[in-house]
Amino acid sequence: MEQVKWLCSLMDKRYRRTHVLALVISAITSLMLLVNPTLTARLVDEVIVAQNPAPLMGLLMTMLAVKVVREAMRYLMIVLLEKGSQNMLYNLRRRLYRRMQFQDMRFFDQHRTGDLMTRMSADTDWCRHFLSYIDYMITDSVVMAVSVSAYLFFVNWQLALALVLVTPLLMLITKVYSKGARRMFIDMRDKLAEMNANAQENIAANRVVKAFAREEYEKDCFDARSRAYRDANLDINERWLRFYPFIEILANAMTFITVFLGGLLMIGGRLTPGELTLFTSLNWALSTPMRNLGNLLNDWQRFLTCATKVMQLDVGTPAIRDAEQTTPHERVQGKIEFRDVSFAYDGQQVLKNVSFIAEPGQTVAVMGPTGSGKTTLIQLLARCYDVTRGQVLVDDCDVRSWKLQELRGGIGTATQDVFLFSDTVEGNIAFGNQSLTEQEVEDFARRAAADEFIPELSEGYDTIIGERGVGLSGGQKQRIALARALAVRPGILVMDDTTSAVDMETEQRIQHELRRLPYSCTKLIIAQRISSVKDADLILILKDGEIAERGTHAQLLAQRGYYYETYCLQNGIDPEEKEAV
């Protein structure tokens, strides 16, 4: 199977060898099951029936030795299987995590966090379960059934044939059961992903839930998904229980056949008491694989379902990746050019024929109504998405010819929706540049006006802040995010409504500090406040994905369009007045 080959390829070479060794040990220990029943048959015929105690001690000691050796080998087998499966799991999780780190934005647009977490946890654990349990149980069952059947045919072909004739009925039951089981396991796996996704979203949005007093509603939503997952499990169990009685009947029928037909053969002198004991002792070795078959089928189907989900992550190739031939750059110098850029997402046009140039060190501001495509400009600049038509150039080089790490490493981004890690304040500021000294961290915090509140925190820069910055105000989080963007000393600084939650006085201080940065930096500012953009070298007004107005603050006021109306609105001026400005 493709999934099995893929899993084995994830194990280190030495662990693959030990895993094969473990399966060989499994086969050997299954064959050893023939020894003690054979010795028991001799004990019956040569000791009990013959009334000869001489061979008794030798037979018993041999049986004990076989038992001890087999158990020791089984212990070694389990150790080897666990080491191999854990090595595979470690490599798999590392590989999946690395894959996700380099996936493009469309991948995360299309996959919910809860589903990805399910693949990284429950699904990968089922892959480990296959290597640590399912494959050796299959080996055990096959070797046991084949070897016991062959041996019993050697002892007495008539009784052995009667027992083996049960097998076709078992195969028929198995085929009927497996027909719809795969689909049911896929449905159960999807229900688990939905339940986990719902829980993850609720935990992440706990403040919104509490703000709107929607706890009961969210509880009911989770209950519905939890019931769906429970019902999917019950449906699978119910399906198996419909077949389980038939398998048990067939397994018990083998005992009946052994006693009835074996008794007749012994009465007729064609079977010794010891051989009948042998058949009785090995009867379980034929019936046990039958009884295990249902559980193995369930585990096998679940493994295939989970492994397929995990493989989709592993073999998926991001659409946004380095080109085969890239142009090396030491540092982003800061020139930006959008050349007749159009972009559509899932068939919906977002940008149309956008063109502008920002020279190194200049400041370009973008304004416009909600949904006009402002944030999309940033995403195209950092090549989170590729343009549908046209070119985005940085330093006169198409972004598709840049190495992604060099391009994005030269762009510092601070957005309105801030994500801070569960780390210290210093750790969050130095996230993009781990080589910063304590003094440099404090300097960038000062330039982002974050030094006003950081010293007042319980442990200053060593204060652990909660996930997503819980415990800080919106303006405080934005200033830490700005400090983080400045700390990478970017050639291009992108500010997407970064100061929307700070007061006017703090915003003026930040703008003053941005004009005095110790390195050359082109600034791309997206904002709704006139105060944030009025000093820009170029202001663009986006409307319906197109540039409707462009120019400096004075030029746009003179055009009396969207920018002029926004200016009047924010300054309490009647736009109808001829001398408004």
Protein backbone atom coordinates (compact mmCIF):
# COMPACT_ATOMS: atom_id res chain seq x y z
CA MET A 1 0.00 0.00 0.00
CA GLU A 2 1.12 3.53 -0.81
CA GLN A 3 0.51 4.71 2.75
CA VAL A 4 2.69 1.96 4.24
CA LYS A 5 5.60 2.68 1.88
CA TRP A 6 5.32 6.37 2.70
CA LEU A 7 5.41 5.71 6.45
CA CYS A 8 8.43 3.42 6.21
CA SER A 9 10.26 6.06 4.19
CA LEU A 10 9.93 8.43 7.16
CA MET A 11 11.93 6.16 9.47
CA ASP A 12 15.69 6.52 9.74
CA LYS A 13 17.57 3.73 7.97
CA ARG A 14 18.64 1.92 11.14
CA TYR A 15 15.09 2.02 12.51
CA ARG A 16 13.78 0.54 9.27
CA ARG A 17 16.16 -2.36 9.74
CA THR A 18 15.13 -2.86 13.37
CA HIS A 19 11.46 -2.68 12.35
CA VAL A 20 11.96 -5.45 9.80
CA LEU A 21 13.83 -7.42 12.47
CA ALA A 22 10.87 -6.96 14.84
CA LEU A 23 8.47 -8.35 12.22
CA VAL A 24 10.77 -11.32 11.65
CA ILE A 25 10.79 -11.92 15.42
CA SER A 26 6.99 -11.69 15.35
CA ALA A 27 6.85 -14.39 12.66
CA ILE A 28 9.32 -16.62 14.55
CA THR A 29 7.43 -16.33 17.83
CA SER A 30 4.21 -17.18 16.00
CA LEU A 31 5.86 -20.34 14.65
CA MET A 32 7.03 -21.18 18.17
CA LEU A 33 3.39 -21.56 19.15
CA LEU A 34 3.50 -24.93 17.42
CA VAL A 35 6.14 -26.29 19.78
CA ASN A 36 4.34 -26.59 23.12
CA PRO A 37 1.11 -28.12 21.70
CA THR A 38 3.30 -30.69 19.92
CA LEU A 39 5.10 -31.47 23.18
CA THR A 40 1.74 -31.68 24.91
CA ALA A 41 0.60 -34.28 22.35
CA ARG A 42 3.73 -36.32 23.08
CA LEU A 43 3.08 -35.95 26.81
CA VAL A 44 -0.43 -37.38 26.38
CA ASP A 45 0.62 -40.28 24.12
CA GLU A 46 4.05 -41.13 25.59
CA VAL A 47 3.46 -40.36 29.28
CA ILE A 48 -0.23 -40.44 30.21
CA VAL A 49 -1.57 -43.07 27.79
CA ALA A 50 1.62 -45.18 27.89
CA GLN A 51 1.86 -44.80 31.70
CA ASN A 52 5.55 -43.96 31.28
CA PRO A 53 6.78 -41.11 33.56
CA ALA A 54 10.37 -41.14 32.23
CA PRO A 55 9.98 -38.44 29.50
CA LEU A 56 7.77 -36.21 31.74
CA MET A 57 10.45 -33.94 33.26
CA GLY A 58 12.29 -33.45 29.98
CA LEU A 59 9.08 -32.49 28.17
CA LEU A 60 8.02 -30.06 30.91
CA MET A 61 11.44 -28.37 31.06
CA THR A 62 11.49 -28.01 27.28
CA MET A 63 8.02 -26.47 27.31
CA LEU A 64 9.09 -24.02 30.02
CA ALA A 65 12.24 -23.07 28.11
CA VAL A 66 10.24 -22.46 24.91
CA LYS A 67 7.78 -20.28 26.83
CA VAL A 68 10.54 -18.19 28.44
CA VAL A 69 12.46 -17.73 25.17
CA ARG A 70 9.27 -16.77 23.30
CA GLU A 71 8.26 -14.16 25.90
CA ALA A 72 11.79 -12.68 25.87
CA MET A 73 11.68 -12.42 22.09
CA ARG A 74 8.22 -10.82 22.23
CA TYR A 75 9.52 -8.25 24.69
CA LEU A 76 12.41 -7.42 22.37
CA MET A 77 9.97 -7.17 19.46
CA ILE A 78 7.75 -4.65 21.29
CA VAL A 79 10.78 -2.52 22.21
CA LEU A 80 12.00 -2.45 18.60
CA LEU A 81 8.52 -1.63 17.25
CA GLU A 82 8.06 1.21 19.72
CA LYS A 83 11.45 2.72 18.94
CA GLY A 84 10.81 2.54 15.21
CA SER A 85 7.29 3.95 15.42
CA GLN A 86 8.34 6.79 17.73
CA ASN A 87 11.22 7.66 15.39
CA MET A 88 8.78 7.77 12.48
CA LEU A 89 6.36 9.93 14.46
CA TYR A 90 9.12 12.36 15.44
CA ASN A 91 10.29 12.69 11.82
CA LEU A 92 6.72 12.98 10.56
CA ARG A 93 5.73 15.79 12.90
CA ARG A 94 8.93 17.69 12.16
CA ARG A 95 8.34 17.28 8.46
CA LEU A 96 4.68 18.31 8.60
CA TYR A 97 5.46 21.34 10.75
CA ARG A 98 8.18 22.42 8.34
CA ARG A 99 5.81 21.92 5.41
CA MET A 100 3.19 24.12 7.05
CA GLN A 101 5.76 26.82 7.82
CA PHE A 102 6.42 27.22 4.11
CA GLN A 103 2.86 26.86 2.87
CA ASP A 104 1.31 29.86 1.11
CA MET A 105 -1.61 31.95 2.27
CA ARG A 106 -4.14 30.09 0.12
CA PHE A 107 -3.35 26.91 2.02
CA PHE A 108 -4.31 28.53 5.34
CA ASP A 109 -7.32 30.19 3.72
CA GLN A 110 -8.61 26.74 2.75
CA HIS A 111 -7.75 24.76 5.91
CA ARG A 112 -9.16 25.45 9.35
CA THR A 113 -6.80 25.48 12.30
CA GLY A 114 -8.73 22.73 14.10
CA ASP A 115 -8.45 20.43 11.09
CA LEU A 116 -4.70 21.01 10.82
CA MET A 117 -4.28 20.34 14.54
CA THR A 118 -6.21 17.07 14.16
CA ARG A 119 -3.87 16.01 11.37
CA MET A 120 -0.82 16.94 13.44
CA SER A 121 -2.01 15.04 16.52
CA ALA A 122 -4.69 12.33 16.24
CA ASP A 123 -3.97 11.41 12.61
CA THR A 124 -0.21 11.17 13.06
CA ASP A 125 -0.71 9.05 16.17
CA TRP A 126 -2.73 6.56 14.13
CA CYS A 127 0.20 6.38 11.71
CA ARG A 128 2.40 5.47 14.67
CA HIS A 129 -0.20 2.96 15.85
CA PHE A 130 0.09 1.12 12.55
CA LEU A 131 3.83 0.63 12.90
CA SER A 132 3.70 -0.27 16.58
CA TYR A 133 0.68 -2.59 16.56
CA ILE A 134 -1.33 -3.16 13.40
CA ASP A 135 1.45 -4.44 11.16
CA TYR A 136 2.82 -6.93 13.69
CA MET A 137 -0.70 -8.16 14.52
CA ILE A 138 -1.29 -8.76 10.81
CA THR A 139 2.04 -10.61 10.64
CA ASP A 140 1.13 -12.65 13.70
CA SER A 141 -2.30 -13.57 12.36
CA VAL A 142 -1.13 -14.52 8.86
CA VAL A 143 1.87 -16.57 10.00
CA MET A 144 -0.15 -18.23 12.74
CA ALA A 145 -3.06 -19.19 10.46
CA VAL A 146 -0.84 -20.47 7.60
CA SER A 147 1.66 -22.38 9.73
CA VAL A 148 -0.98 -23.97 11.97
CA SER A 149 -3.09 -24.98 8.97
CA ALA A 150 -0.10 -26.58 7.23
CA TYR A 151 0.97 -28.39 10.38
CA LEU A 152 -2.50 -29.73 11.07
CA PHE A 153 -2.74 -31.01 7.49
CA PHE A 154 0.49 -32.87 8.14
CA VAL A 155 -0.94 -34.44 11.32
CA ASN A 156 -4.38 -35.35 9.93
CA TRP A 157 -5.55 -33.89 6.61
CA GLN A 158 -9.19 -34.90 7.07
CA LEU A 159 -9.76 -32.99 10.31
CA ALA A 160 -7.61 -30.08 9.12
CA LEU A 161 -9.64 -29.80 5.90
CA ALA A 162 -12.87 -29.67 7.88
CA LEU A 163 -11.51 -26.78 9.93
CA VAL A 164 -10.12 -24.84 6.96
CA LEU A 165 -13.44 -25.06 5.08
CA VAL A 166 -14.76 -22.43 7.50
CA THR A 167 -12.37 -19.85 5.98
CA PRO A 168 -14.35 -19.06 2.77
CA LEU A 169 -17.37 -18.07 4.88
CA LEU A 170 -15.13 -15.78 6.91
CA MET A 171 -13.74 -14.15 3.75
CA LEU A 172 -17.29 -13.50 2.52
CA ILE A 173 -18.25 -11.80 5.80
CA THR A 174 -15.08 -9.70 5.68
CA LYS A 175 -15.77 -8.54 2.13
CA VAL A 176 -19.32 -7.48 2.96
CA TYR A 177 -18.18 -5.65 6.09
CA SER A 178 -15.36 -3.78 4.33
CA LYS A 179 -17.58 -2.59 1.50
CA GLY A 180 -18.86 0.52 3.29
CA ALA A 181 -16.49 0.74 6.25
CA ARG A 182 -13.95 3.05 4.56
CA ARG A 183 -16.57 5.69 3.83
CA MET A 184 -17.81 5.56 7.42
CA PHE A 185 -14.30 6.04 8.81
CA ILE A 186 -13.75 9.03 6.52
CA ASP A 187 -17.02 10.53 7.76
CA MET A 188 -16.02 9.91 11.39
CA ARG A 189 -12.62 11.54 10.80
CA ASP A 190 -14.30 14.61 9.25
CA LYS A 191 -16.66 14.87 12.23
CA LEU A 192 -13.65 14.82 14.59
CA ALA A 193 -11.99 17.62 12.60
CA GLU A 194 -15.18 19.70 12.73
CA MET A 195 -15.45 19.25 16.49
CA ASN A 196 -11.80 20.24 17.04
CA ALA A 197 -12.13 23.23 14.71
CA ASN A 198 -15.19 24.44 16.62
CA ALA A 199 -13.38 24.11 19.95
CA GLN A 200 -10.29 25.92 18.64
CA GLU A 201 -12.31 28.82 17.22
CA ASN A 202 -14.29 29.16 20.44
CA ILE A 203 -11.15 29.24 22.59
CA ALA A 204 -9.48 31.80 20.30
CA ALA A 205 -12.63 33.97 20.28
CA ASN A 206 -13.48 33.59 23.97
CA ARG A 207 -13.55 37.37 24.52
CA VAL A 208 -16.01 37.87 21.67
CA VAL A 209 -18.22 35.08 23.01
CA LYS A 210 -18.29 36.63 26.46
CA ALA A 211 -18.79 40.14 25.09
CA PHE A 212 -21.97 39.01 23.32
CA ALA A 213 -23.05 36.60 26.08
CA ARG A 214 -23.14 33.72 23.59
CA GLU A 215 -21.84 31.00 25.90
CA GLU A 216 -25.05 28.94 25.68
CA TYR A 217 -25.15 29.23 21.89
CA GLU A 218 -21.51 28.13 21.56
CA LYS A 219 -22.12 25.28 24.00
CA ASP A 220 -25.02 24.08 21.86
CA CYS A 221 -22.89 24.32 18.69
CA PHE A 222 -20.14 22.23 20.26
CA ASP A 223 -22.70 19.74 21.61
CA ALA A 224 -24.08 19.29 18.09
CA ARG A 225 -20.64 18.57 16.63
CA SER A 226 -19.73 16.33 19.55
CA ARG A 227 -22.95 14.35 19.07
CA ALA A 228 -22.21 14.02 15.35
CA TYR A 229 -18.78 12.58 16.15
CA ARG A 230 -20.27 10.26 18.78
CA ASP A 231 -22.96 9.07 16.34
CA ALA A 232 -20.34 8.42 13.66
CA ASN A 233 -18.42 6.23 16.13
CA LEU A 234 -21.60 4.43 17.12
CA ASP A 235 -22.53 3.81 13.48
CA ILE A 236 -19.16 2.13 12.89
CA ASN A 237 -19.48 0.04 16.05
CA GLU A 238 -23.05 -0.90 15.15
CA ARG A 239 -21.94 -2.02 11.71
CA TRP A 240 -19.19 -4.17 13.21
CA LEU A 241 -21.53 -5.66 15.82
CA ARG A 242 -23.80 -6.85 13.03
CA PHE A 243 -20.97 -9.01 11.70
CA TYR A 244 -19.26 -9.93 14.97
CA PRO A 245 -21.75 -12.69 16.00
CA PHE A 246 -21.17 -14.53 12.71
CA ILE A 247 -17.41 -14.45 13.23
CA GLU A 248 -17.82 -15.74 16.79
CA ILE A 249 -20.12 -18.51 15.58
CA LEU A 250 -17.56 -19.58 12.97
CA ALA A 251 -14.75 -19.50 15.54
CA ASN A 252 -16.76 -21.62 17.98
CA ALA A 253 -17.82 -23.91 15.15
CA MET A 254 -14.17 -24.87 14.78
CA THR A 255 -14.16 -26.13 18.39
CA PHE A 256 -17.32 -28.13 17.71
CA ILE A 257 -15.80 -29.65 14.53
CA THR A 258 -12.60 -30.52 16.40
CA VAL A 259 -14.40 -32.31 19.23
CA PHE A 260 -17.03 -34.03 17.09
CA LEU A 261 -15.04 -35.11 14.04
CA GLY A 262 -11.84 -35.59 16.02
CA GLY A 263 -13.67 -37.86 18.47
CA LEU A 264 -15.02 -39.97 15.59
CA LEU A 265 -11.54 -40.25 14.05
CA MET A 266 -10.02 -41.23 17.39
CA ILE A 267 -12.71 -43.88 17.94
CA GLY A 268 -11.94 -45.19 14.47
CA GLY A 269 -8.26 -45.41 15.29
CA ARG A 270 -7.20 -42.76 12.76
CA LEU A 271 -6.27 -40.21 15.44
CA THR A 272 -4.39 -40.70 18.69
CA PRO A 273 -5.45 -39.02 21.96
CA GLY A 274 -2.32 -36.88 21.77
CA GLU A 275 -3.12 -35.74 18.22
CA LEU A 276 -6.68 -34.87 19.28
CA THR A 277 -5.17 -32.85 22.14
CA LEU A 278 -2.89 -31.18 19.57
CA PHE A 279 -5.88 -30.18 17.44
CA THR A 280 -7.72 -28.94 20.53
CA SER A 281 -4.68 -26.93 21.67
CA LEU A 282 -4.11 -25.35 18.25
CA ASN A 283 -7.79 -24.73 17.60
CA TRP A 284 -7.47 -21.29 19.22
CA ALA A 285 -4.52 -20.51 16.91
CA LEU A 286 -6.95 -20.73 13.99
CA SER A 287 -9.90 -19.05 15.70
CA THR A 288 -7.91 -16.16 17.23
CA PRO A 289 -7.00 -14.62 13.85
CA MET A 290 -10.70 -14.79 13.00
CA ARG A 291 -11.64 -13.00 16.19
CA ASN A 292 -8.88 -10.41 15.63
CA LEU A 293 -9.93 -9.85 12.06
CA GLY A 294 -12.71 -7.38 12.87
CA ASN A 295 -10.55 -5.19 15.10
CA LEU A 296 -7.71 -5.32 12.60
CA LEU A 297 -10.07 -4.29 9.80
CA ASN A 298 -11.33 -1.37 11.87
CA ASP A 299 -7.80 -0.29 12.72
CA TRP A 300 -6.66 -0.76 9.13
CA GLN A 301 -9.49 1.36 7.71
CA ARG A 302 -8.93 4.08 10.29
CA PHE A 303 -5.20 4.06 9.57
CA LEU A 304 -5.82 4.44 5.83
CA THR A 305 -8.18 7.35 6.46
CA CYS A 306 -5.79 9.17 8.80
CA ALA A 307 -2.68 8.43 6.74
CA THR A 308 -4.37 9.82 3.62
CA LYS A 309 -5.15 13.08 5.45
CA VAL A 310 -1.58 13.36 6.69
CA MET A 311 -0.13 12.53 3.26
CA GLN A 312 -2.11 15.41 1.77
CA LEU A 313 -0.15 17.76 4.01
CA ASP A 314 3.15 16.05 3.32
CA VAL A 315 2.99 15.87 -0.46
CA GLY A 316 1.23 19.20 -1.01
CA THR A 317 3.39 21.75 -2.83
CA PRO A 318 2.83 25.45 -2.12
CA ALA A 319 1.97 27.57 -5.15
CA ILE A 320 4.10 30.41 -3.78
CA ARG A 321 7.71 29.23 -3.64
CA ASP A 322 11.15 30.18 -4.81
CA ALA A 323 11.65 30.11 -8.56
CA GLU A 324 14.19 27.69 -9.99
CA GLN A 325 16.45 30.64 -10.77
CA THR A 326 16.38 33.51 -8.28
CA THR A 327 18.32 36.75 -8.18
CA PRO A 328 20.43 37.08 -4.99
CA HIS A 329 20.15 40.32 -2.98
CA GLU A 330 22.14 41.41 0.05
CA ARG A 331 19.46 43.79 1.33
CA VAL A 332 16.18 45.31 0.25
CA GLN A 333 17.02 48.86 -0.82
CA GLY A 334 13.40 49.98 -0.78
CA LYS A 335 12.28 50.79 -4.32
CA ILE A 336 8.71 49.60 -4.94
CA GLU A 337 6.95 49.48 -8.29
CA PHE A 338 3.48 48.18 -9.08
CA ARG A 339 3.29 47.89 -12.87
CA ASP A 340 -0.26 47.51 -14.21
CA VAL A 341 -1.12 45.03 -11.43
CA SER A 342 -4.42 43.13 -11.40
CA PHE A 343 -5.36 40.46 -8.90
CA ALA A 344 -8.37 38.16 -8.56
CA TYR A 345 -9.10 35.78 -5.69
CA ASP A 346 -11.30 32.77 -6.42
CA GLY A 347 -12.69 34.53 -9.49
CA GLN A 348 -13.44 37.79 -7.68
CA GLN A 349 -11.55 40.82 -8.96
CA VAL A 350 -9.74 42.64 -6.12
CA LEU A 351 -7.27 44.94 -7.90
CA LYS A 352 -7.38 46.32 -11.44
CA ASN A 353 -4.54 48.00 -13.32
CA VAL A 354 -2.76 49.42 -10.27
CA SER A 355 0.49 51.26 -11.06
CA PHE A 356 2.74 53.42 -8.87
CA ILE A 357 6.41 53.83 -7.93
CA ALA A 358 7.98 54.51 -4.54
CA GLU A 359 11.66 55.46 -4.56
CA PRO A 360 13.94 54.34 -1.71
CA GLY A 361 13.31 56.38 1.43
CA GLN A 362 9.97 57.77 0.25
CA THR A 363 6.66 57.39 2.06
CA VAL A 364 3.62 56.18 0.14
CA ALA A 365 0.21 56.20 1.81
CA VAL A 366 -2.89 54.29 0.70
CA MET A 367 -6.44 55.21 1.66
CA GLY A 368 -9.82 54.07 0.51
CA PRO A 369 -13.15 52.56 1.55
CA THR A 370 -13.28 49.17 3.28
CA GLY A 371 -12.83 46.37 0.77
CA SER A 372 -11.10 48.51 -1.83
CA GLY A 373 -8.00 46.27 -1.87
CA LYS A 374 -5.60 48.18 0.38
CA THR A 375 -4.36 45.19 2.40
CA THR A 376 -4.06 43.15 -0.80
CA LEU A 377 -1.29 45.53 -1.91
CA ILE A 378 0.79 44.46 1.10
CA GLN A 379 0.16 40.79 0.47
CA LEU A 380 1.24 41.10 -3.16
CA LEU A 381 4.34 43.08 -2.16
CA ALA A 382 5.46 40.32 0.24
CA ARG A 383 4.35 37.72 -2.33
CA CYS A 384 1.79 36.10 -0.06
CA TYR A 385 -0.15 35.85 -3.31
CA ASP A 386 0.96 36.15 -6.92
CA VAL A 387 -0.52 38.77 -9.20
CA THR A 388 -3.05 37.71 -11.82
CA ARG A 389 -1.61 40.17 -14.33
CA GLY A 390 1.18 42.74 -14.29
CA GLN A 391 4.28 42.89 -12.11
CA VAL A 392 5.27 43.84 -8.59
CA LEU A 393 8.91 44.89 -8.46
CA VAL A 394 11.19 45.50 -5.51
CA ASP A 395 14.50 47.17 -6.34
CA ASP A 396 13.67 46.80 -10.05
CA CYS A 397 13.37 43.01 -9.68
CA ASP A 398 10.09 41.08 -9.99
CA VAL A 399 9.18 39.68 -6.58
CA ARG A 400 8.78 36.27 -8.24
CA SER A 401 12.53 36.34 -8.92
CA TRP A 402 13.40 37.05 -5.28
CA LYS A 403 14.12 34.38 -2.72
CA LEU A 404 11.11 34.50 -0.43
CA GLN A 405 13.26 34.59 2.69
CA GLU A 406 15.31 37.54 1.40
CA LEU A 407 12.22 39.42 0.20
CA ARG A 408 10.11 38.98 3.33
CA GLY A 409 13.13 39.39 5.59
CA GLY A 410 13.58 42.88 4.13
CA ILE A 411 9.96 43.91 4.73
CA GLY A 412 8.88 44.88 8.24
CA THR A 413 5.12 44.58 8.70
CA ALA A 414 2.93 45.94 11.48
CA THR A 415 -0.81 45.47 11.09
CA GLN A 416 -3.93 46.57 12.91
CA ASP A 417 -4.79 42.99 13.88
CA VAL A 418 -1.81 42.23 16.08
CA PHE A 419 -0.65 38.75 16.99
CA LEU A 420 1.77 38.55 19.89
CA PHE A 421 3.30 35.31 21.11
CA SER A 422 3.15 33.90 24.63
CA ASP A 423 6.61 35.24 25.38
CA THR A 424 8.28 38.17 27.09
CA VAL A 425 7.89 41.69 25.73
CA GLU A 426 11.56 41.60 24.77
CA GLY A 427 11.10 38.24 23.02
CA ASN A 428 8.21 39.60 20.96
CA ILE A 429 10.13 42.70 19.88
CA ALA A 430 13.19 40.62 18.95
CA PHE A 431 11.12 37.95 17.19
CA GLY A 432 12.42 38.83 13.72
CA ASN A 433 15.97 39.62 14.84
CA GLN A 434 17.25 37.37 17.60
CA SER A 435 20.67 39.10 17.65
CA LEU A 436 19.33 42.30 19.22
CA THR A 437 20.94 43.48 22.43
CA GLU A 438 18.88 44.63 25.38
CA GLN A 439 19.73 48.25 24.59
CA GLU A 440 18.63 47.86 20.95
CA VAL A 441 15.32 46.33 22.03
CA GLU A 442 14.71 49.31 24.30
CA ASP A 443 15.68 51.71 21.50
CA PHE A 444 13.16 50.24 19.05
CA ALA A 445 10.52 50.23 21.79
CA ARG A 446 11.22 53.94 22.26
CA ARG A 447 10.88 54.63 18.53
CA ALA A 448 7.48 52.88 18.60
CA ALA A 449 6.46 54.86 21.71
CA ALA A 450 6.19 51.59 23.62
CA ASP A 451 8.63 52.73 26.29
CA GLU A 452 5.80 54.73 27.83
CA PHE A 453 4.08 51.64 29.27
CA ILE A 454 6.59 48.75 29.20
CA PRO A 455 8.49 49.86 32.35
CA GLU A 456 5.16 49.95 34.20
CA LEU A 457 4.49 46.27 33.51
CA SER A 458 5.09 43.85 36.37
CA GLU A 459 8.54 42.77 35.13
CA GLY A 460 9.24 45.37 32.49
CA TYR A 461 10.68 43.91 29.30
CA ASP A 462 10.76 40.46 30.95
CA THR A 463 6.98 40.43 31.47
CA ILE A 464 5.31 37.39 29.93
CA ILE A 465 2.35 38.52 27.88
CA GLY A 466 -0.50 36.18 27.08
CA GLU A 467 -1.36 34.65 23.74
CA ARG A 468 -2.36 37.31 21.19
CA GLY A 469 -1.24 39.97 23.67
CA VAL A 470 -3.93 39.35 26.28
CA GLY A 471 -3.42 41.78 29.15
CA LEU A 472 -2.44 44.70 26.92
CA SER A 473 -4.63 47.36 25.37
CA GLY A 474 -5.09 47.58 21.62
CA GLY A 475 -2.77 50.56 21.35
CA GLN A 476 -0.09 48.86 23.46
CA LYS A 477 -0.18 45.76 21.29
CA GLN A 478 0.10 47.88 18.14
CA ARG A 479 3.16 49.68 19.48
CA ILE A 480 4.91 46.41 20.38
CA ALA A 481 4.10 45.12 16.89
CA LEU A 482 5.56 48.30 15.36
CA ALA A 483 8.72 47.90 17.46
CA ARG A 484 8.97 44.31 16.22
CA ALA A 485 8.73 45.50 12.61
CA LEU A 486 11.33 48.24 13.13
CA ALA A 487 13.72 45.82 14.85
CA VAL A 488 14.45 43.88 11.64
CA ARG A 489 15.81 47.14 10.14
CA PRO A 490 13.71 46.63 7.00
CA GLY A 491 14.29 48.25 3.66
CA ILE A 492 10.50 48.54 3.40
CA LEU A 493 8.27 49.26 6.38
CA VAL A 494 4.59 48.39 5.96
CA MET A 495 2.11 49.90 8.40
CA ASP A 496 -1.46 48.68 7.98
CA ASP A 497 -3.58 50.85 10.30
CA THR A 498 -0.82 50.35 12.85
CA THR A 499 -1.68 53.46 14.87
CA SER A 500 -5.46 53.19 14.66
CA ALA A 501 -5.74 52.41 18.41
CA VAL A 502 -3.32 55.05 19.71
CA ASP A 503 -4.11 58.63 20.63
CA MET A 504 -3.15 61.59 18.43
CA GLU A 505 -0.27 62.69 20.64
CA THR A 506 1.31 59.22 20.60
CA GLU A 507 0.77 59.00 16.83
CA GLN A 508 2.61 62.29 16.32
CA ARG A 509 5.51 61.04 18.42
CA ILE A 510 5.66 57.81 16.37
CA GLN A 511 5.65 59.75 13.09
CA HIS A 512 8.45 61.96 14.40
CA GLU A 513 10.53 58.90 15.31
CA LEU A 514 9.85 57.25 11.94
CA ARG A 515 11.38 60.27 10.19
CA ARG A 516 14.55 59.79 12.26
CA LEU A 517 15.20 56.08 11.76
CA PRO A 518 18.92 55.15 11.79
CA TYR A 519 18.58 53.29 8.47
CA SER A 520 17.10 53.97 5.04
CA CYS A 521 13.55 52.75 4.83
CA THR A 522 10.69 53.10 2.35
CA LYS A 523 7.38 53.36 4.14
CA LEU A 524 4.08 52.03 2.85
CA ILE A 525 1.30 53.29 5.10
CA ILE A 526 -2.31 52.13 4.99
CA ALA A 527 -4.52 54.29 7.17
CA GLN A 528 -7.85 56.05 7.47
CA ARG A 529 -6.63 59.03 9.46
CA ILE A 530 -5.59 62.06 7.45
CA SER A 531 -3.06 62.83 10.20
CA SER A 532 -1.31 59.53 9.45
CA VAL A 533 -0.86 60.16 5.72
CA LYS A 534 -0.74 63.90 5.10
CA ASP A 535 3.07 64.10 5.13
CA ALA A 536 3.51 61.23 2.64
CA ASP A 537 5.37 61.84 -0.62
CA LEU A 538 2.56 60.10 -2.50
CA ILE A 539 -1.00 59.35 -1.43
CA LEU A 540 -3.08 56.80 -3.33
CA ILE A 541 -6.86 56.54 -3.05
CA LEU A 542 -8.14 53.07 -3.89
CA LYS A 543 -11.76 52.56 -4.87
CA ASP A 544 -13.17 49.25 -6.13
CA GLY A 545 -9.64 47.96 -6.64
CA GLU A 546 -8.51 50.88 -8.84
CA ILE A 547 -6.53 54.02 -8.09
CA ALA A 548 -9.15 56.75 -8.13
CA GLU A 549 -6.91 59.58 -6.91
CA ARG A 550 -3.19 60.11 -6.45
CA GLY A 551 -0.95 62.98 -5.35
CA THR A 552 0.30 64.84 -2.31
CA HIS A 553 -1.88 66.12 0.51
CA ALA A 554 -2.32 69.53 -1.14
CA GLN A 555 -2.95 68.07 -4.59
CA LEU A 556 -5.65 65.72 -3.32
CA LEU A 557 -7.39 68.44 -1.39
CA ALA A 558 -7.52 70.46 -4.59
CA GLN A 559 -9.14 67.54 -6.45
CA ARG A 560 -12.06 67.63 -4.03
CA GLY A 561 -12.72 63.88 -4.20
CA TYR A 562 -12.70 61.09 -1.62
CA TYR A 563 -9.60 62.44 0.15
CA TYR A 564 -11.07 65.93 0.43
CA GLU A 565 -14.36 64.60 1.82
CA THR A 566 -12.51 62.46 4.38
CA TYR A 567 -10.41 65.47 5.39
CA CYS A 568 -13.51 67.61 5.92
CA LEU A 569 -15.28 64.85 7.85
CA GLN A 570 -12.35 64.32 10.22
CA ASN A 571 -11.86 68.05 10.78
CA GLY A 572 -15.53 68.99 11.19
CA ILE A 573 -15.65 71.05 7.97
CA ASP A 574 -18.63 71.29 5.66
CA PRO A 575 -17.35 70.00 2.30
CA GLU A 576 -19.90 72.17 0.48
CA GLU A 577 -18.20 75.37 1.61
CA LYS A 578 -16.16 76.85 -1.23
CA GLU A 579 -13.42 78.01 1.11
CA ALA A 580 -13.46 74.90 3.26
CA VAL A 581 -9.72 74.37 2.91
